[in-house]
């Protein structure tokens, strides 16, 4: 199962996490919340109402801005 990766343009934390995923050759589906605003309600559910990225969803595990955001 691929990872779902929520990002926004210009986010250095998103870029760093993207580079990490690419280095590990991880399969992921990247969703830009600025370009796809209809996903924001889903993102808010994952983050407990916080508007923050990056967010990784890997199976049942959710990582919310593990290195900042």
PDB file of N, CA and C in Angstrom:
ATOM      1  N   UNK A   1       0.840  -1.185   0.000  1.00  0.00           N
ATOM      2  CA  UNK A   1       0.000   0.000   0.000  1.00  0.00           C
ATOM      3  C   UNK A   1       0.882   1.245   0.000  1.00  0.00           C
ATOM      4  N   UNK A   2       0.569   2.177  -0.864  1.00  0.00           N
ATOM      5  CA  UNK A   2       1.346   3.408  -0.972  1.00  0.00           C
ATOM      6  C   UNK A   2       1.030   4.357   0.178  1.00  0.00           C
ATOM      7  N   UNK A   3       1.971   5.197   0.471  1.00  0.00           N
ATOM      8  CA  UNK A   3       1.835   6.220   1.500  1.00  0.00           C
ATOM      9  C   UNK A   3       1.083   7.404   0.895  1.00  0.00           C
ATOM     10  N   UNK A   4       0.220   8.024   1.677  1.00  0.00           N
ATOM     11  CA  UNK A   4      -0.411   9.271   1.268  1.00  0.00           C
ATOM     12  C   UNK A   4       0.352  10.394   1.955  1.00  0.00           C
ATOM     13  N   UNK A   5       0.759  11.365   1.173  1.00  0.00           N
ATOM     14  CA  UNK A   5       1.656  12.420   1.626  1.00  0.00           C
ATOM     15  C   UNK A   5       1.016  13.778   1.313  1.00  0.00           C
ATOM     16  N   UNK A   6       0.577  14.486   2.360  1.00  0.00           N
ATOM     17  CA  UNK A   6      -0.051  15.794   2.203  1.00  0.00           C
ATOM     18  C   UNK A   6       1.013  16.884   2.309  1.00  0.00           C
ATOM     19  N   UNK A   7       1.034  17.793   1.336  1.00  0.00           N
ATOM     20  CA  UNK A   7       2.044  18.844   1.262  1.00  0.00           C
ATOM     21  C   UNK A   7       1.397  20.158   0.835  1.00  0.00           C
ATOM     22  N   UNK A   8       2.205  21.228   0.845  1.00  0.00           N
ATOM     23  CA  UNK A   8       1.813  22.482   0.205  1.00  0.00           C
ATOM     24  C   UNK A   8       3.056  23.076  -0.442  1.00  0.00           C
ATOM     25  N   UNK A   9       2.837  23.929  -1.417  1.00  0.00           N
ATOM     26  CA  UNK A   9       3.941  24.562  -2.147  1.00  0.00           C
ATOM     27  C   UNK A   9       4.791  25.405  -1.206  1.00  0.00           C
ATOM     28  N   UNK A  10       6.099  25.364  -1.428  1.00  0.00           N
ATOM     29  CA  UNK A  10       7.010  26.209  -0.680  1.00  0.00           C
ATOM     30  C   UNK A  10       7.310  25.762   0.734  1.00  0.00           C
ATOM     31  N   UNK A  11       6.865  24.591   1.119  1.00  0.00           N
ATOM     32  CA  UNK A  11       7.093  24.085   2.481  1.00  0.00           C
ATOM     33  C   UNK A  11       8.434  23.346   2.533  1.00  0.00           C
ATOM     34  N   UNK A  12       9.428  23.894   3.260  1.00  0.00           N
ATOM     35  CA  UNK A  12      10.725  23.223   3.315  1.00  0.00           C
ATOM     36  C   UNK A  12      10.665  21.870   4.028  1.00  0.00           C
ATOM     37  N   UNK A  13       9.746  21.726   4.976  1.00  0.00           N
ATOM     38  CA  UNK A  13       9.607  20.451   5.682  1.00  0.00           C
ATOM     39  C   UNK A  13       9.029  19.391   4.742  1.00  0.00           C
ATOM     40  N   UNK A  14       8.117  19.817   3.874  1.00  0.00           N
ATOM     41  CA  UNK A  14       7.547  18.898   2.887  1.00  0.00           C
ATOM     42  C   UNK A  14       8.627  18.441   1.915  1.00  0.00           C
ATOM     43  N   UNK A  15       9.451  19.389   1.476  1.00  0.00           N
ATOM     44  CA  UNK A  15      10.529  19.059   0.540  1.00  0.00           C
ATOM     45  C   UNK A  15      11.521  18.082   1.167  1.00  0.00           C
ATOM     46  N   UNK A  16      11.884  18.316   2.408  1.00  0.00           N
ATOM     47  CA  UNK A  16      12.819  17.424   3.093  1.00  0.00           C
ATOM     48  C   UNK A  16      12.230  16.027   3.232  1.00  0.00           C
ATOM     49  N   UNK A  17      10.934  15.950   3.563  1.00  0.00           N
ATOM     50  CA  UNK A  17      10.299  14.642   3.713  1.00  0.00           C
ATOM     51  C   UNK A  17      10.180  13.953   2.351  1.00  0.00           C
ATOM     52  N   UNK A  18       9.889  14.708   1.306  1.00  0.00           N
ATOM     53  CA  UNK A  18       9.810  14.160  -0.052  1.00  0.00           C
ATOM     54  C   UNK A  18      11.169  13.544  -0.440  1.00  0.00           C
ATOM     55  N   UNK A  19      12.244  14.278  -0.156  1.00  0.00           N
ATOM     56  CA  UNK A  19      13.584  13.779  -0.467  1.00  0.00           C
ATOM     57  C   UNK A  19      13.882  12.501   0.300  1.00  0.00           C
ATOM     58  N   UNK A  20      13.463  12.444   1.560  1.00  0.00           N
ATOM     59  CA  UNK A  20      13.657  11.235   2.367  1.00  0.00           C
ATOM     60  C   UNK A  20      12.885  10.055   1.774  1.00  0.00           C
ATOM     61  N   UNK A  21      11.647  10.288   1.394  1.00  0.00           N
ATOM     62  CA  UNK A  21      10.841   9.217   0.791  1.00  0.00           C
ATOM     63  C   UNK A  21      11.463   8.747  -0.520  1.00  0.00           C
ATOM     64  N   UNK A  22      11.941   9.696  -1.320  1.00  0.00           N
ATOM     65  CA  UNK A  22      12.568   9.340  -2.593  1.00  0.00           C
ATOM     66  C   UNK A  22      13.844   8.536  -2.379  1.00  0.00           C
ATOM     67  N   UNK A  23      14.650   8.919  -1.390  1.00  0.00           N
ATOM     68  CA  UNK A  23      15.885   8.183  -1.076  1.00  0.00           C
ATOM     69  C   UNK A  23      15.589   6.746  -0.668  1.00  0.00           C
ATOM     70  N   UNK A  24      14.463   6.564   0.029  1.00  0.00           N
ATOM     71  CA  UNK A  24      14.076   5.212   0.470  1.00  0.00           C
ATOM     72  C   UNK A  24      13.310   4.464  -0.612  1.00  0.00           C
ATOM     73  N   UNK A  25      13.098   5.110  -1.754  1.00  0.00           N
ATOM     74  CA  UNK A  25      12.333   4.539  -2.873  1.00  0.00           C
ATOM     75  C   UNK A  25      10.935   4.116  -2.423  1.00  0.00           C
ATOM     76  N   UNK A  26      10.352   4.916  -1.526  1.00  0.00           N
ATOM     77  CA  UNK A  26       9.011   4.630  -1.026  1.00  0.00           C
ATOM     78  C   UNK A  26       7.982   5.052  -2.072  1.00  0.00           C
ATOM     79  N   UNK A  27       6.948   4.253  -2.202  1.00  0.00           N
ATOM     80  CA  UNK A  27       5.838   4.618  -3.080  1.00  0.00           C
ATOM     81  C   UNK A  27       4.898   5.519  -2.294  1.00  0.00           C
ATOM     82  N   UNK A  28       4.569   6.660  -2.881  1.00  0.00           N
ATOM     83  CA  UNK A  28       3.658   7.567  -2.190  1.00  0.00           C
ATOM     84  C   UNK A  28       2.798   8.332  -3.180  1.00  0.00           C
ATOM     85  N   UNK A  29       1.637   8.717  -2.688  1.00  0.00           N
ATOM     86  CA  UNK A  29       0.702   9.534  -3.433  1.00  0.00           C
ATOM     87  C   UNK A  29       0.738  10.913  -2.800  1.00  0.00           C
ATOM     88  N   UNK A  30       1.279  11.893  -3.517  1.00  0.00           N
ATOM     89  CA  UNK A  30       1.419  13.231  -2.977  1.00  0.00           C
ATOM     90  C   UNK A  30       0.168  14.048  -3.278  1.00  0.00           C
ATOM     91  N   UNK A  31      -0.369  14.689  -2.243  1.00  0.00           N
ATOM     92  CA  UNK A  31      -1.560  15.526  -2.392  1.00  0.00           C
ATOM     93  C   UNK A  31      -1.203  16.933  -1.915  1.00  0.00           C
ATOM     94  N   UNK A  32      -1.271  17.888  -2.829  1.00  0.00           N
ATOM     95  CA  UNK A  32      -0.991  19.278  -2.509  1.00  0.00           C
ATOM     96  C   UNK A  32      -2.299  19.923  -2.044  1.00  0.00           C
ATOM     97  N   UNK A  33      -2.340  20.338  -0.797  1.00  0.00           N
ATOM     98  CA  UNK A  33      -3.583  20.866  -0.220  1.00  0.00           C
ATOM     99  C   UNK A  33      -3.972  22.229  -0.785  1.00  0.00           C
ATOM    100  N   UNK A  34      -3.023  22.955  -1.350  1.00  0.00           N
ATOM    101  CA  UNK A  34      -3.337  24.245  -1.984  1.00  0.00           C
ATOM    102  C   UNK A  34      -3.956  24.027  -3.359  1.00  0.00           C
ATOM    103  N   UNK A  35      -3.502  22.999  -4.054  1.00  0.00           N
ATOM    104  CA  UNK A  35      -4.007  22.713  -5.399  1.00  0.00           C
ATOM    105  C   UNK A  35      -5.255  21.831  -5.375  1.00  0.00           C
ATOM    106  N   UNK A  36      -5.498  21.166  -4.246  1.00  0.00           N
ATOM    107  CA  UNK A  36      -6.649  20.268  -4.100  1.00  0.00           C
ATOM    108  C   UNK A  36      -7.365  20.602  -2.791  1.00  0.00           C
ATOM    109  N   UNK A  37      -8.011  21.763  -2.714  1.00  0.00           N
ATOM    110  CA  UNK A  37      -8.606  22.207  -1.441  1.00  0.00           C
ATOM    111  C   UNK A  37      -9.725  21.306  -0.934  1.00  0.00           C
ATOM    112  N   UNK A  38     -10.299  20.483  -1.780  1.00  0.00           N
ATOM    113  CA  UNK A  38     -11.364  19.595  -1.316  1.00  0.00           C
ATOM    114  C   UNK A  38     -10.867  18.529  -0.337  1.00  0.00           C
ATOM    115  N   UNK A  39      -9.538  18.340  -0.217  1.00  0.00           N
ATOM    116  CA  UNK A  39      -9.005  17.366   0.732  1.00  0.00           C
ATOM    117  C   UNK A  39      -8.776  17.961   2.117  1.00  0.00           C
ATOM    118  N   UNK A  40      -8.935  19.275   2.267  1.00  0.00           N
ATOM    119  CA  UNK A  40      -8.666  19.924   3.551  1.00  0.00           C
ATOM    120  C   UNK A  40      -9.507  19.345   4.690  1.00  0.00           C
ATOM    121  N   UNK A  41     -10.823  19.090   4.513  1.00  0.00           N
ATOM    122  CA  UNK A  41     -11.578  18.471   5.617  1.00  0.00           C
ATOM    123  C   UNK A  41     -10.991  17.134   6.061  1.00  0.00           C
ATOM    124  N   UNK A  42     -10.528  16.333   5.119  1.00  0.00           N
ATOM    125  CA  UNK A  42      -9.896  15.049   5.456  1.00  0.00           C
ATOM    126  C   UNK A  42      -8.601  15.280   6.232  1.00  0.00           C
ATOM    127  N   UNK A  43      -7.810  16.251   5.793  1.00  0.00           N
ATOM    128  CA  UNK A  43      -6.561  16.580   6.472  1.00  0.00           C
ATOM    129  C   UNK A  43      -6.830  17.060   7.898  1.00  0.00           C
ATOM    130  N   UNK A  44      -7.858  17.895   8.077  1.00  0.00           N
ATOM    131  CA  UNK A  44      -8.193  18.388   9.409  1.00  0.00           C
ATOM    132  C   UNK A  44      -8.605  17.256  10.348  1.00  0.00           C
ATOM    133  N   UNK A  45      -9.271  16.240   9.822  1.00  0.00           N
ATOM    134  CA  UNK A  45      -9.621  15.072  10.645  1.00  0.00           C
ATOM    135  C   UNK A  45      -8.360  14.345  11.086  1.00  0.00           C
ATOM    136  N   UNK A  46      -7.404  14.212  10.186  1.00  0.00           N
ATOM    137  CA  UNK A  46      -6.159  13.508  10.505  1.00  0.00           C
ATOM    138  C   UNK A  46      -5.324  14.253  11.534  1.00  0.00           C
ATOM    139  N   UNK A  47      -5.375  15.589  11.499  1.00  0.00           N
ATOM    140  CA  UNK A  47      -4.513  16.404  12.352  1.00  0.00           C
ATOM    141  C   UNK A  47      -5.207  16.941  13.597  1.00  0.00           C
ATOM    142  N   UNK A  48      -6.430  16.530  13.822  1.00  0.00           N
ATOM    143  CA  UNK A  48      -7.157  17.026  14.982  1.00  0.00           C
ATOM    144  C   UNK A  48      -7.529  18.489  14.852  1.00  0.00           C
ATOM    145  N   UNK A  49      -7.764  18.929  13.619  1.00  0.00           N
ATOM    146  CA  UNK A  49      -8.192  20.296  13.387  1.00  0.00           C
ATOM    147  C   UNK A  49      -7.081  21.283  13.087  1.00  0.00           C
ATOM    148  N   UNK A  50      -5.846  20.809  13.070  1.00  0.00           N
ATOM    149  CA  UNK A  50      -4.722  21.710  12.793  1.00  0.00           C
ATOM    150  C   UNK A  50      -4.456  21.775  11.297  1.00  0.00           C
ATOM    151  N   UNK A  51      -4.201  22.961  10.796  1.00  0.00           N
ATOM    152  CA  UNK A  51      -3.826  23.147   9.389  1.00  0.00           C
ATOM    153  C   UNK A  51      -2.310  23.107   9.324  1.00  0.00           C
ATOM    154  N   UNK A  52      -1.777  21.911   9.185  1.00  0.00           N
ATOM    155  CA  UNK A  52      -0.335  21.717   9.204  1.00  0.00           C
ATOM    156  C   UNK A  52       0.043  20.635   8.198  1.00  0.00           C
ATOM    157  N   UNK A  53       1.166  20.824   7.564  1.00  0.00           N
ATOM    158  CA  UNK A  53       1.776  19.828   6.691  1.00  0.00           C
ATOM    159  C   UNK A  53       3.267  19.826   6.986  1.00  0.00           C
ATOM    160  N   UNK A  54       3.972  18.806   6.663  1.00  0.00           N
ATOM    161  CA  UNK A  54       3.568  17.595   5.967  1.00  0.00           C
ATOM    162  C   UNK A  54       2.855  16.616   6.892  1.00  0.00           C
ATOM    163  N   UNK A  55       2.008  15.820   6.270  1.00  0.00           N
ATOM    164  CA  UNK A  55       1.325  14.733   6.971  1.00  0.00           C
ATOM    165  C   UNK A  55       1.481  13.485   6.120  1.00  0.00           C
ATOM    166  N   UNK A  56       1.923  12.410   6.766  1.00  0.00           N
ATOM    167  CA  UNK A  56       2.071  11.116   6.110  1.00  0.00           C
ATOM    168  C   UNK A  56       1.062  10.145   6.686  1.00  0.00           C
ATOM    169  N   UNK A  57       0.388   9.433   5.808  1.00  0.00           N
ATOM    170  CA  UNK A  57      -0.521   8.376   6.235  1.00  0.00           C
ATOM    171  C   UNK A  57       0.003   7.093   5.606  1.00  0.00           C
ATOM    172  N   UNK A  58       0.436   6.191   6.454  1.00  0.00           N
ATOM    173  CA  UNK A  58       1.017   4.923   6.007  1.00  0.00           C
ATOM    174  C   UNK A  58       0.253   3.803   6.688  1.00  0.00           C
ATOM    175  N   UNK A  59      -0.720   3.255   5.968  1.00  0.00           N
ATOM    176  CA  UNK A  59      -1.594   2.253   6.580  1.00  0.00           C
ATOM    177  C   UNK A  59      -2.394   2.918   7.684  1.00  0.00           C
ATOM    178  N   UNK A  60      -2.284   2.412   8.908  1.00  0.00           N
ATOM    179  CA  UNK A  60      -2.999   2.979  10.044  1.00  0.00           C
ATOM    180  C   UNK A  60      -2.195   4.008  10.808  1.00  0.00           C
ATOM    181  N   UNK A  61      -0.967   4.270  10.360  1.00  0.00           N
ATOM    182  CA  UNK A  61      -0.082   5.196  11.067  1.00  0.00           C
ATOM    183  C   UNK A  61      -0.159   6.580  10.422  1.00  0.00           C
ATOM    184  N   UNK A  62      -0.313   7.610  11.249  1.00  0.00           N
ATOM    185  CA  UNK A  62      -0.357   8.994  10.774  1.00  0.00           C
ATOM    186  C   UNK A  62       0.770   9.758  11.439  1.00  0.00           C
ATOM    187  N   UNK A  63       1.611  10.396  10.623  1.00  0.00           N
ATOM    188  CA  UNK A  63       2.696  11.229  11.131  1.00  0.00           C
ATOM    189  C   UNK A  63       2.376  12.676  10.773  1.00  0.00           C
ATOM    190  N   UNK A  64       2.256  13.515  11.781  1.00  0.00           N
ATOM    191  CA  UNK A  64       1.911  14.921  11.574  1.00  0.00           C
ATOM    192  C   UNK A  64       3.156  15.762  11.806  1.00  0.00           C
ATOM    193  N   UNK A  65       3.680  16.318  10.714  1.00  0.00           N
ATOM    194  CA  UNK A  65       4.857  17.206  10.760  1.00  0.00           C
ATOM    195  C   UNK A  65       5.919  16.694  11.740  1.00  0.00           C
ATOM    196  N   UNK A  66       6.446  15.485  11.506  1.00  0.00           N
ATOM    197  CA  UNK A  66       7.380  14.911  12.472  1.00  0.00           C
ATOM    198  C   UNK A  66       8.651  15.735  12.683  1.00  0.00           C
ATOM    199  N   UNK A  67       9.056  16.526  11.700  1.00  0.00           N
ATOM    200  CA  UNK A  67      10.266  17.339  11.830  1.00  0.00           C
ATOM    201  C   UNK A  67       9.972  18.824  11.785  1.00  0.00           C
ATOM    202  N   UNK A  68       8.718  19.170  11.987  1.00  0.00           N
ATOM    203  CA  UNK A  68       8.290  20.570  11.928  1.00  0.00           C
ATOM    204  C   UNK A  68       7.336  20.772  10.763  1.00  0.00           C
ATOM    205  N   UNK A  69       6.645  21.868  10.789  1.00  0.00           N
ATOM    206  CA  UNK A  69       5.715  22.148   9.701  1.00  0.00           C
ATOM    207  C   UNK A  69       5.075  23.482   9.862  1.00  0.00           C
TER     208      UNK A  69
END
